[in-house]
Amino acid sequence: MGKMIFYDKVEAAYVAYKIDEIQGRKKFSMISKELLKEGQTVLANAEIVKSTIERELYE
C-alpha cells in the first residue's frame, strides 16, 4: 500500500512539473521538496527496521 502512495506522489509531481512548464509556476519545486522529505523519512524508517532485524538475528 505504501508503494502505491509513493507512486501516486511521483505521478502528482510529474503532473505538477508539466503544469509548471505550461504555466511557468513553482508548484513542482514545492511538491518535489515534499516528496524528497517523505522519501528520506521512508529510508530512515527502513534503516531502523533493518537495524532492528539485524540486532535480533545476532543476539
Protein backbone atom coordinates (compact mmCIF):
# COMPACT_ATOMS: atom_id res chain seq x y z
CA MET A 1 0.00 0.00 0.00
CA GLY A 2 2.82 2.42 0.85
CA LYS A 3 4.33 1.74 -2.55
CA MET A 4 1.17 2.89 -4.30
CA ILE A 5 1.04 6.09 -2.28
CA PHE A 6 4.66 6.80 -3.21
CA TYR A 7 3.95 6.14 -6.91
CA ASP A 8 0.88 8.39 -6.73
CA LYS A 9 3.02 11.17 -5.31
CA VAL A 10 5.64 10.71 -8.03
CA GLU A 11 2.89 10.88 -10.64
CA ALA A 12 1.45 14.01 -8.99
CA ALA A 13 4.92 15.59 -9.01
CA TYR A 14 5.28 14.84 -12.72
CA VAL A 15 1.87 16.34 -13.48
CA ALA A 16 2.79 19.44 -11.46
CA TYR A 17 6.06 19.66 -13.41
CA LYS A 18 4.17 19.57 -16.71
CA ILE A 19 1.74 22.22 -15.43
CA ASP A 20 4.74 24.36 -14.47
CA GLU A 21 6.08 24.00 -18.00
CA ILE A 22 2.79 25.30 -19.35
CA GLN A 23 2.02 27.93 -16.72
CA GLY A 24 5.51 28.87 -15.55
CA ARG A 25 4.78 28.43 -11.83
CA LYS A 26 6.82 26.98 -8.97
CA LYS A 27 4.46 24.17 -7.95
CA PHE A 28 6.92 21.46 -8.95
CA SER A 29 9.60 22.71 -6.54
CA MET A 30 7.25 22.61 -3.58
CA ILE A 31 5.96 19.14 -4.44
CA SER A 32 9.42 17.76 -5.19
CA LYS A 33 10.76 19.09 -1.88
CA GLU A 34 7.87 17.42 -0.06
CA LEU A 35 8.43 14.18 -1.98
CA LEU A 36 12.14 14.23 -1.18
CA LYS A 37 11.39 14.80 2.51
CA GLU A 38 8.96 11.87 2.55
CA GLY A 39 11.47 9.68 0.70
CA GLN A 40 14.11 10.47 3.29
CA THR A 41 11.66 9.52 6.04
CA VAL A 42 10.94 6.20 4.32
CA LEU A 43 14.68 5.48 4.03
CA ALA A 44 15.27 6.36 7.68
CA ASN A 45 12.43 4.04 8.74
CA ALA A 46 13.81 1.26 6.55
CA GLU A 47 17.22 1.66 8.19
CA ILE A 48 15.62 1.37 11.65
CA VAL A 49 13.78 -1.81 10.62
CA LYS A 50 16.96 -3.26 9.09
CA SER A 51 18.99 -2.48 12.21
CA THR A 52 16.31 -3.99 14.46
CA ILE A 53 16.18 -7.19 12.40
CA GLU A 54 19.97 -7.49 12.32
CA ARG A 55 20.20 -6.92 16.08
CA GLU A 56 17.62 -9.64 16.70
CA LEU A 57 19.40 -12.06 14.37
CA TYR A 58 22.79 -11.65 16.02
CA GLU A 59 21.74 -11.62 19.69
